[in-house]
Amino acid sequence: SLTEKGWAHLDDAVALAAQLVRSL
């Protein structure tokens, strides 16, 4: 989940999510 509504900085959040999934 993103902490705020509106999709601000979605690309950065996606990169972090993918980084976590890849590490797991």
mmCIF file of all heavy atoms, coordinates in Angstrom:
data_MODEL
# 
_entry.id   MODEL 
# 
loop_
_atom_site.group_PDB 
_atom_site.id 
_atom_site.type_symbol 
_atom_site.label_atom_id 
_atom_site.label_alt_id 
_atom_site.label_comp_id 
_atom_site.label_asym_id 
_atom_site.label_entity_id 
_atom_site.label_seq_id 
_atom_site.pdbx_PDB_ins_code 
_atom_site.Cartn_x 
_atom_site.Cartn_y 
_atom_site.Cartn_z 
_atom_site.occupancy 
_atom_site.B_iso_or_equiv 
_atom_site.pdbx_formal_charge 
_atom_site.auth_seq_id 
_atom_site.auth_comp_id 
_atom_site.auth_asym_id 
_atom_site.auth_atom_id 
_atom_site.pdbx_PDB_model_num 
ATOM 1   N N   . SER A 1 1  ? 0.834  -1.199  0.000   1.00 0.00 ? 1  SER A N   1 
ATOM 2   C CA  . SER A 1 1  ? 0.000  0.000   0.000   1.00 0.00 ? 1  SER A CA  1 
ATOM 3   C C   . SER A 1 1  ? 0.867  1.246   0.000   1.00 0.00 ? 1  SER A C   1 
ATOM 4   O O   . SER A 1 1  ? 1.942  1.272   0.609   1.00 0.00 ? 1  SER A O   1 
ATOM 5   C CB  . SER A 1 1  ? -0.909 0.032   1.241   1.00 0.00 ? 1  SER A CB  1 
ATOM 6   O OG  . SER A 1 1  ? -1.745 -1.106  1.311   1.00 0.00 ? 1  SER A OG  1 
ATOM 7   N N   . LEU A 1 2  ? 0.373  2.287   -0.689  1.00 0.00 ? 2  LEU A N   1 
ATOM 8   C CA  . LEU A 1 2  ? 0.954  3.626   -0.588  1.00 0.00 ? 2  LEU A CA  1 
ATOM 9   C C   . LEU A 1 2  ? 0.294  4.345   0.581   1.00 0.00 ? 2  LEU A C   1 
ATOM 10  O O   . LEU A 1 2  ? -0.916 4.216   0.787   1.00 0.00 ? 2  LEU A O   1 
ATOM 11  C CB  . LEU A 1 2  ? 0.707  4.406   -1.873  1.00 0.00 ? 2  LEU A CB  1 
ATOM 12  C CG  . LEU A 1 2  ? 1.796  4.442   -2.931  1.00 0.00 ? 2  LEU A CG  1 
ATOM 13  C CD1 . LEU A 1 2  ? 1.272  5.110   -4.202  1.00 0.00 ? 2  LEU A CD1 1 
ATOM 14  C CD2 . LEU A 1 2  ? 3.017  5.201   -2.426  1.00 0.00 ? 2  LEU A CD2 1 
ATOM 15  N N   . THR A 1 3  ? 1.055  5.113   1.321   1.00 0.00 ? 3  THR A N   1 
ATOM 16  C CA  . THR A 1 3  ? 0.502  5.720   2.531   1.00 0.00 ? 3  THR A CA  1 
ATOM 17  C C   . THR A 1 3  ? -0.461 6.868   2.253   1.00 0.00 ? 3  THR A C   1 
ATOM 18  O O   . THR A 1 3  ? -1.201 7.274   3.152   1.00 0.00 ? 3  THR A O   1 
ATOM 19  C CB  . THR A 1 3  ? 1.628  6.235   3.435   1.00 0.00 ? 3  THR A CB  1 
ATOM 20  O OG1 . THR A 1 3  ? 2.441  7.159   2.708   1.00 0.00 ? 3  THR A OG1 1 
ATOM 21  C CG2 . THR A 1 3  ? 2.468  5.075   3.942   1.00 0.00 ? 3  THR A CG2 1 
ATOM 22  N N   . GLU A 1 4  ? -0.455 7.409   1.045   1.00 0.00 ? 4  GLU A N   1 
ATOM 23  C CA  . GLU A 1 4  ? -1.356 8.514   0.712   1.00 0.00 ? 4  GLU A CA  1 
ATOM 24  C C   . GLU A 1 4  ? -2.135 8.174   -0.554  1.00 0.00 ? 4  GLU A C   1 
ATOM 25  O O   . GLU A 1 4  ? -1.625 7.489   -1.446  1.00 0.00 ? 4  GLU A O   1 
ATOM 26  C CB  . GLU A 1 4  ? -0.575 9.812   0.479   1.00 0.00 ? 4  GLU A CB  1 
ATOM 27  C CG  . GLU A 1 4  ? 0.302  10.242  1.646   1.00 0.00 ? 4  GLU A CG  1 
ATOM 28  C CD  . GLU A 1 4  ? -0.488 10.691  2.857   1.00 0.00 ? 4  GLU A CD  1 
ATOM 29  O OE1 . GLU A 1 4  ? -1.671 11.048  2.684   1.00 0.00 ? 4  GLU A OE1 1 
ATOM 30  O OE2 . GLU A 1 4  ? 0.078  10.681  3.967   1.00 0.00 ? 4  GLU A OE2 1 
ATOM 31  N N   . LYS A 1 5  ? -3.366 8.666   -0.638  1.00 0.00 ? 5  LYS A N   1 
ATOM 32  C CA  . LYS A 1 5  ? -4.160 8.475   -1.845  1.00 0.00 ? 5  LYS A CA  1 
ATOM 33  C C   . LYS A 1 5  ? -3.697 9.432   -2.937  1.00 0.00 ? 5  LYS A C   1 
ATOM 34  O O   . LYS A 1 5  ? -3.147 10.500  -2.659  1.00 0.00 ? 5  LYS A O   1 
ATOM 35  C CB  . LYS A 1 5  ? -5.642 8.691   -1.548  1.00 0.00 ? 5  LYS A CB  1 
ATOM 36  C CG  . LYS A 1 5  ? -6.260 7.605   -0.664  1.00 0.00 ? 5  LYS A CG  1 
ATOM 37  C CD  . LYS A 1 5  ? -7.745 7.826   -0.514  1.00 0.00 ? 5  LYS A CD  1 
ATOM 38  C CE  . LYS A 1 5  ? -8.390 6.739   0.339   1.00 0.00 ? 5  LYS A CE  1 
ATOM 39  N NZ  . LYS A 1 5  ? -8.314 5.417   -0.327  1.00 0.00 ? 5  LYS A NZ  1 
ATOM 40  N N   . GLY A 1 6  ? -3.931 9.032   -4.192  1.00 0.00 ? 6  GLY A N   1 
ATOM 41  C CA  . GLY A 1 6  ? -3.612 9.905   -5.300  1.00 0.00 ? 6  GLY A CA  1 
ATOM 42  C C   . GLY A 1 6  ? -2.469 9.441   -6.176  1.00 0.00 ? 6  GLY A C   1 
ATOM 43  O O   . GLY A 1 6  ? -2.145 10.096  -7.166  1.00 0.00 ? 6  GLY A O   1 
ATOM 44  N N   . TRP A 1 7  ? -1.820 8.353   -5.816  1.00 0.00 ? 7  TRP A N   1 
ATOM 45  C CA  . TRP A 1 7  ? -0.757 7.745   -6.626  1.00 0.00 ? 7  TRP A CA  1 
ATOM 46  C C   . TRP A 1 7  ? 0.502  8.604   -6.732  1.00 0.00 ? 7  TRP A C   1 
ATOM 47  O O   . TRP A 1 7  ? 1.292  8.439   -7.657  1.00 0.00 ? 7  TRP A O   1 
ATOM 48  C CB  . TRP A 1 7  ? -1.250 7.405   -8.035  1.00 0.00 ? 7  TRP A CB  1 
ATOM 49  C CG  . TRP A 1 7  ? -2.472 6.548   -8.081  1.00 0.00 ? 7  TRP A CG  1 
ATOM 50  C CD1 . TRP A 1 7  ? -3.696 6.912   -8.570  1.00 0.00 ? 7  TRP A CD1 1 
ATOM 51  C CD2 . TRP A 1 7  ? -2.617 5.207   -7.615  1.00 0.00 ? 7  TRP A CD2 1 
ATOM 52  N NE1 . TRP A 1 7  ? -4.583 5.869   -8.456  1.00 0.00 ? 7  TRP A NE1 1 
ATOM 53  C CE2 . TRP A 1 7  ? -3.948 4.820   -7.867  1.00 0.00 ? 7  TRP A CE2 1 
ATOM 54  C CE3 . TRP A 1 7  ? -1.747 4.293   -7.021  1.00 0.00 ? 7  TRP A CE3 1 
ATOM 55  C CZ2 . TRP A 1 7  ? -4.445 3.557   -7.540  1.00 0.00 ? 7  TRP A CZ2 1 
ATOM 56  C CZ3 . TRP A 1 7  ? -2.234 3.041   -6.691  1.00 0.00 ? 7  TRP A CZ3 1 
ATOM 57  C CH2 . TRP A 1 7  ? -3.565 2.684   -6.945  1.00 0.00 ? 7  TRP A CH2 1 
ATOM 58  N N   . ALA A 1 8  ? 0.735  9.508   -5.796  1.00 0.00 ? 8  ALA A N   1 
ATOM 59  C CA  . ALA A 1 8  ? 1.963  10.292  -5.821  1.00 0.00 ? 8  ALA A CA  1 
ATOM 60  C C   . ALA A 1 8  ? 3.172  9.373   -5.651  1.00 0.00 ? 8  ALA A C   1 
ATOM 61  O O   . ALA A 1 8  ? 3.164  8.483   -4.786  1.00 0.00 ? 8  ALA A O   1 
ATOM 62  C CB  . ALA A 1 8  ? 1.946  11.349  -4.718  1.00 0.00 ? 8  ALA A CB  1 
ATOM 63  N N   . HIS A 1 9  ? 4.183  9.572   -6.466  1.00 0.00 ? 9  HIS A N   1 
ATOM 64  C CA  . HIS A 1 9  ? 5.443  8.812   -6.414  1.00 0.00 ? 9  HIS A CA  1 
ATOM 65  C C   . HIS A 1 9  ? 5.208  7.305   -6.559  1.00 0.00 ? 9  HIS A C   1 
ATOM 66  O O   . HIS A 1 9  ? 5.899  6.487   -5.949  1.00 0.00 ? 9  HIS A O   1 
ATOM 67  C CB  . HIS A 1 9  ? 6.187  9.101   -5.106  1.00 0.00 ? 9  HIS A CB  1 
ATOM 68  C CG  . HIS A 1 9  ? 6.408  10.570  -4.857  1.00 0.00 ? 9  HIS A CG  1 
ATOM 69  N ND1 . HIS A 1 9  ? 7.251  11.336  -5.636  1.00 0.00 ? 9  HIS A ND1 1 
ATOM 70  C CD2 . HIS A 1 9  ? 5.863  11.423  -3.934  1.00 0.00 ? 9  HIS A CD2 1 
ATOM 71  C CE1 . HIS A 1 9  ? 7.227  12.582  -5.202  1.00 0.00 ? 9  HIS A CE1 1 
ATOM 72  N NE2 . HIS A 1 9  ? 6.396  12.662  -4.176  1.00 0.00 ? 9  HIS A NE2 1 
ATOM 73  N N   . LEU A 1 10 ? 4.230  6.956   -7.401  1.00 0.00 ? 10 LEU A N   1 
ATOM 74  C CA  . LEU A 1 10 ? 3.911  5.546   -7.606  1.00 0.00 ? 10 LEU A CA  1 
ATOM 75  C C   . LEU A 1 10 ? 5.099  4.780   -8.184  1.00 0.00 ? 10 LEU A C   1 
ATOM 76  O O   . LEU A 1 10 ? 5.382  3.651   -7.754  1.00 0.00 ? 10 LEU A O   1 
ATOM 77  C CB  . LEU A 1 10 ? 2.699  5.414   -8.533  1.00 0.00 ? 10 LEU A CB  1 
ATOM 78  C CG  . LEU A 1 10 ? 2.305  3.985   -8.934  1.00 0.00 ? 10 LEU A CG  1 
ATOM 79  C CD1 . LEU A 1 10 ? 1.971  3.153   -7.711  1.00 0.00 ? 10 LEU A CD1 1 
ATOM 80  C CD2 . LEU A 1 10 ? 1.127  4.010   -9.906  1.00 0.00 ? 10 LEU A CD2 1 
ATOM 81  N N   . ASP A 1 11 ? 5.811  5.363   -9.141  1.00 0.00 ? 11 ASP A N   1 
ATOM 82  C CA  . ASP A 1 11 ? 6.946  4.662   -9.745  1.00 0.00 ? 11 ASP A CA  1 
ATOM 83  C C   . ASP A 1 11 ? 8.009  4.318   -8.708  1.00 0.00 ? 11 ASP A C   1 
ATOM 84  O O   . ASP A 1 11 ? 8.605  3.232   -8.742  1.00 0.00 ? 11 ASP A O   1 
ATOM 85  C CB  . ASP A 1 11 ? 7.561  5.512   -10.857 1.00 0.00 ? 11 ASP A CB  1 
ATOM 86  C CG  . ASP A 1 11 ? 6.658  5.621   -12.077 1.00 0.00 ? 11 ASP A CG  1 
ATOM 87  O OD1 . ASP A 1 11 ? 5.723  4.810   -12.199 1.00 0.00 ? 11 ASP A OD1 1 
ATOM 88  O OD2 . ASP A 1 11 ? 6.882  6.525   -12.907 1.00 0.00 ? 11 ASP A OD2 1 
ATOM 89  N N   . ASP A 1 12 ? 8.249  5.233   -7.771  1.00 0.00 ? 12 ASP A N   1 
ATOM 90  C CA  . ASP A 1 12 ? 9.223  4.958   -6.715  1.00 0.00 ? 12 ASP A CA  1 
ATOM 91  C C   . ASP A 1 12 ? 8.727  3.841   -5.797  1.00 0.00 ? 12 ASP A C   1 
ATOM 92  O O   . ASP A 1 12 ? 9.495  2.961   -5.387  1.00 0.00 ? 12 ASP A O   1 
ATOM 93  C CB  . ASP A 1 12 ? 9.483  6.226   -5.902  1.00 0.00 ? 12 ASP A CB  1 
ATOM 94  C CG  . ASP A 1 12 ? 10.143 7.317   -6.720  1.00 0.00 ? 12 ASP A CG  1 
ATOM 95  O OD1 . ASP A 1 12 ? 11.039 6.999   -7.521  1.00 0.00 ? 12 ASP A OD1 1 
ATOM 96  O OD2 . ASP A 1 12 ? 9.752  8.487   -6.567  1.00 0.00 ? 12 ASP A OD2 1 
ATOM 97  N N   . ALA A 1 13 ? 7.428  3.861   -5.471  1.00 0.00 ? 13 ALA A N   1 
ATOM 98  C CA  . ALA A 1 13 ? 6.862  2.815   -4.616  1.00 0.00 ? 13 ALA A CA  1 
ATOM 99  C C   . ALA A 1 13 ? 6.930  1.454   -5.299  1.00 0.00 ? 13 ALA A C   1 
ATOM 100 O O   . ALA A 1 13 ? 7.246  0.437   -4.667  1.00 0.00 ? 13 ALA A O   1 
ATOM 101 C CB  . ALA A 1 13 ? 5.412  3.163   -4.264  1.00 0.00 ? 13 ALA A CB  1 
ATOM 102 N N   . VAL A 1 14 ? 6.641  1.426   -6.596  1.00 0.00 ? 14 VAL A N   1 
ATOM 103 C CA  . VAL A 1 14 ? 6.697  0.179   -7.354  1.00 0.00 ? 14 VAL A CA  1 
ATOM 104 C C   . VAL A 1 14 ? 8.118  -0.379  -7.363  1.00 0.00 ? 14 VAL A C   1 
ATOM 105 O O   . VAL A 1 14 ? 8.332  -1.588  -7.206  1.00 0.00 ? 14 VAL A O   1 
ATOM 106 C CB  . VAL A 1 14 ? 6.186  0.411   -8.790  1.00 0.00 ? 14 VAL A CB  1 
ATOM 107 C CG1 . VAL A 1 14 ? 6.586  -0.734  -9.707  1.00 0.00 ? 14 VAL A CG1 1 
ATOM 108 C CG2 . VAL A 1 14 ? 4.669  0.572   -8.779  1.00 0.00 ? 14 VAL A CG2 1 
ATOM 109 N N   . ALA A 1 15 ? 9.098  0.490   -7.545  1.00 0.00 ? 15 ALA A N   1 
ATOM 110 C CA  . ALA A 1 15 ? 10.491 0.032   -7.553  1.00 0.00 ? 15 ALA A CA  1 
ATOM 111 C C   . ALA A 1 15 ? 10.864 -0.580  -6.211  1.00 0.00 ? 15 ALA A C   1 
ATOM 112 O O   . ALA A 1 15 ? 11.555 -1.612  -6.153  1.00 0.00 ? 15 ALA A O   1 
ATOM 113 C CB  . ALA A 1 15 ? 11.417 1.201   -7.883  1.00 0.00 ? 15 ALA A CB  1 
ATOM 114 N N   . LEU A 1 16 ? 10.411 0.019   -5.119  1.00 0.00 ? 16 LEU A N   1 
ATOM 115 C CA  . LEU A 1 16 ? 10.700 -0.522  -3.792  1.00 0.00 ? 16 LEU A CA  1 
ATOM 116 C C   . LEU A 1 16 ? 9.974  -1.845  -3.559  1.00 0.00 ? 16 LEU A C   1 
ATOM 117 O O   . LEU A 1 16 ? 10.532 -2.780  -2.977  1.00 0.00 ? 16 LEU A O   1 
ATOM 118 C CB  . LEU A 1 16 ? 10.301 0.499   -2.723  1.00 0.00 ? 16 LEU A CB  1 
ATOM 119 C CG  . LEU A 1 16 ? 11.195 1.741   -2.645  1.00 0.00 ? 16 LEU A CG  1 
ATOM 120 C CD1 . LEU A 1 16 ? 10.496 2.850   -1.885  1.00 0.00 ? 16 LEU A CD1 1 
ATOM 121 C CD2 . LEU A 1 16 ? 12.530 1.388   -1.983  1.00 0.00 ? 16 LEU A CD2 1 
ATOM 122 N N   . ALA A 1 17 ? 8.728  -1.920  -4.016  1.00 0.00 ? 17 ALA A N   1 
ATOM 123 C CA  . ALA A 1 17 ? 7.976  -3.167  -3.875  1.00 0.00 ? 17 ALA A CA  1 
ATOM 124 C C   . ALA A 1 17 ? 8.650  -4.294  -4.655  1.00 0.00 ? 17 ALA A C   1 
ATOM 125 O O   . ALA A 1 17 ? 8.798  -5.419  -4.153  1.00 0.00 ? 17 ALA A O   1 
ATOM 126 C CB  . ALA A 1 17 ? 6.542  -2.965  -4.356  1.00 0.00 ? 17 ALA A CB  1 
ATOM 127 N N   . ALA A 1 18 ? 9.043  -4.005  -5.875  1.00 0.00 ? 18 ALA A N   1 
ATOM 128 C CA  . ALA A 1 18 ? 9.721  -5.018  -6.686  1.00 0.00 ? 18 ALA A CA  1 
ATOM 129 C C   . ALA A 1 18 ? 11.045 -5.422  -6.058  1.00 0.00 ? 18 ALA A C   1 
ATOM 130 O O   . ALA A 1 18 ? 11.419 -6.611  -6.087  1.00 0.00 ? 18 ALA A O   1 
ATOM 131 C CB  . ALA A 1 18 ? 9.947  -4.476  -8.096  1.00 0.00 ? 18 ALA A CB  1 
ATOM 132 N N   . GLN A 1 19 ? 11.760 -4.470  -5.479  1.00 0.00 ? 19 GLN A N   1 
ATOM 133 C CA  . GLN A 1 19 ? 13.020 -4.788  -4.800  1.00 0.00 ? 19 GLN A CA  1 
ATOM 134 C C   . GLN A 1 19 ? 12.785 -5.766  -3.653  1.00 0.00 ? 19 GLN A C   1 
ATOM 135 O O   . GLN A 1 19 ? 13.542 -6.729  -3.473  1.00 0.00 ? 19 GLN A O   1 
ATOM 136 C CB  . GLN A 1 19 ? 13.648 -3.505  -4.262  1.00 0.00 ? 19 GLN A CB  1 
ATOM 137 C CG  . GLN A 1 19 ? 14.940 -3.714  -3.481  1.00 0.00 ? 19 GLN A CG  1 
ATOM 138 C CD  . GLN A 1 19 ? 15.460 -2.426  -2.873  1.00 0.00 ? 19 GLN A CD  1 
ATOM 139 O OE1 . GLN A 1 19 ? 15.043 -1.320  -3.241  1.00 0.00 ? 19 GLN A OE1 1 
ATOM 140 N NE2 . GLN A 1 19 ? 16.375 -2.550  -1.926  1.00 0.00 ? 19 GLN A NE2 1 
ATOM 141 N N   . LEU A 1 20 ? 11.729 -5.533  -2.884  1.00 0.00 ? 20 LEU A N   1 
ATOM 142 C CA  . LEU A 1 20 ? 11.428 -6.423  -1.767  1.00 0.00 ? 20 LEU A CA  1 
ATOM 143 C C   . LEU A 1 20 ? 11.059 -7.812  -2.257  1.00 0.00 ? 20 LEU A C   1 
ATOM 144 O O   . LEU A 1 20 ? 11.542 -8.821  -1.726  1.00 0.00 ? 20 LEU A O   1 
ATOM 145 C CB  . LEU A 1 20 ? 10.300 -5.834  -0.919  1.00 0.00 ? 20 LEU A CB  1 
ATOM 146 C CG  . LEU A 1 20 ? 9.831  -6.683  0.265   1.00 0.00 ? 20 LEU A CG  1 
ATOM 147 C CD1 . LEU A 1 20 ? 10.978 -6.961  1.229   1.00 0.00 ? 20 LEU A CD1 1 
ATOM 148 C CD2 . LEU A 1 20 ? 8.675  -5.994  0.996   1.00 0.00 ? 20 LEU A CD2 1 
ATOM 149 N N   . VAL A 1 21 ? 10.193 -7.884  -3.271  1.00 0.00 ? 21 VAL A N   1 
ATOM 150 C CA  . VAL A 1 21 ? 9.784  -9.195  -3.797  1.00 0.00 ? 21 VAL A CA  1 
ATOM 151 C C   . VAL A 1 21 ? 10.991 -9.955  -4.340  1.00 0.00 ? 21 VAL A C   1 
ATOM 152 O O   . VAL A 1 21 ? 11.156 -11.151 -4.090  1.00 0.00 ? 21 VAL A O   1 
ATOM 153 C CB  . VAL A 1 21 ? 8.710  -9.036  -4.883  1.00 0.00 ? 21 VAL A CB  1 
ATOM 154 C CG1 . VAL A 1 21 ? 8.406  -10.384 -5.534  1.00 0.00 ? 21 VAL A CG1 1 
ATOM 155 C CG2 . VAL A 1 21 ? 7.430  -8.447  -4.290  1.00 0.00 ? 21 VAL A CG2 1 
ATOM 156 N N   . ARG A 1 22 ? 11.832 -9.269  -5.074  1.00 0.00 ? 22 ARG A N   1 
ATOM 157 C CA  . ARG A 1 22 ? 13.016 -9.924  -5.634  1.00 0.00 ? 22 ARG A CA  1 
ATOM 158 C C   . ARG A 1 22 ? 13.919 -10.461 -4.515  1.00 0.00 ? 22 ARG A C   1 
ATOM 159 O O   . ARG A 1 22 ? 14.459 -11.556 -4.606  1.00 0.00 ? 22 ARG A O   1 
ATOM 160 C CB  . ARG A 1 22 ? 13.796 -8.954  -6.511  1.00 0.00 ? 22 ARG A CB  1 
ATOM 161 C CG  . ARG A 1 22 ? 14.938 -9.620  -7.270  1.00 0.00 ? 22 ARG A CG  1 
ATOM 162 C CD  . ARG A 1 22 ? 15.829 -8.577  -7.911  1.00 0.00 ? 22 ARG A CD  1 
ATOM 163 N NE  . ARG A 1 22 ? 15.205 -7.896  -9.036  1.00 0.00 ? 22 ARG A NE  1 
ATOM 164 C CZ  . ARG A 1 22 ? 15.353 -8.295  -10.299 1.00 0.00 ? 22 ARG A CZ  1 
ATOM 165 N NH1 . ARG A 1 22 ? 16.063 -9.360  -10.590 1.00 0.00 ? 22 ARG A NH1 1 
ATOM 166 N NH2 . ARG A 1 22 ? 14.772 -7.608  -11.270 1.00 0.00 ? 22 ARG A NH2 1 
ATOM 167 N N   . SER A 1 23 ? 14.079 -9.682  -3.445  1.00 0.00 ? 23 SER A N   1 
ATOM 168 C CA  . SER A 1 23 ? 14.934 -10.114 -2.335  1.00 0.00 ? 23 SER A CA  1 
ATOM 169 C C   . SER A 1 23 ? 14.359 -11.322 -1.609  1.00 0.00 ? 23 SER A C   1 
ATOM 170 O O   . SER A 1 23 ? 15.100 -12.095 -0.986  1.00 0.00 ? 23 SER A O   1 
ATOM 171 C CB  . SER A 1 23 ? 15.134 -8.963  -1.347  1.00 0.00 ? 23 SER A CB  1 
ATOM 172 O OG  . SER A 1 23 ? 13.954 -8.697  -0.605  1.00 0.00 ? 23 SER A OG  1 
ATOM 173 N N   . LEU A 1 24 ? 13.022 -11.475 -1.672  1.00 0.00 ? 24 LEU A N   1 
ATOM 174 C CA  . LEU A 1 24 ? 12.365 -12.600 -0.996  1.00 0.00 ? 24 LEU A CA  1 
ATOM 175 C C   . LEU A 1 24 ? 12.270 -13.835 -1.880  1.00 0.00 ? 24 LEU A C   1 
ATOM 176 O O   . LEU A 1 24 ? 11.765 -14.877 -1.445  1.00 0.00 ? 24 LEU A O   1 
ATOM 177 C CB  . LEU A 1 24 ? 10.961 -12.192 -0.548  1.00 0.00 ? 24 LEU A CB  1 
ATOM 178 C CG  . LEU A 1 24 ? 10.895 -11.163 0.577   1.00 0.00 ? 24 LEU A CG  1 
ATOM 179 C CD1 . LEU A 1 24 ? 9.457  -10.694 0.791   1.00 0.00 ? 24 LEU A CD1 1 
ATOM 180 C CD2 . LEU A 1 24 ? 11.455 -11.746 1.872   1.00 0.00 ? 24 LEU A CD2 1 
# 
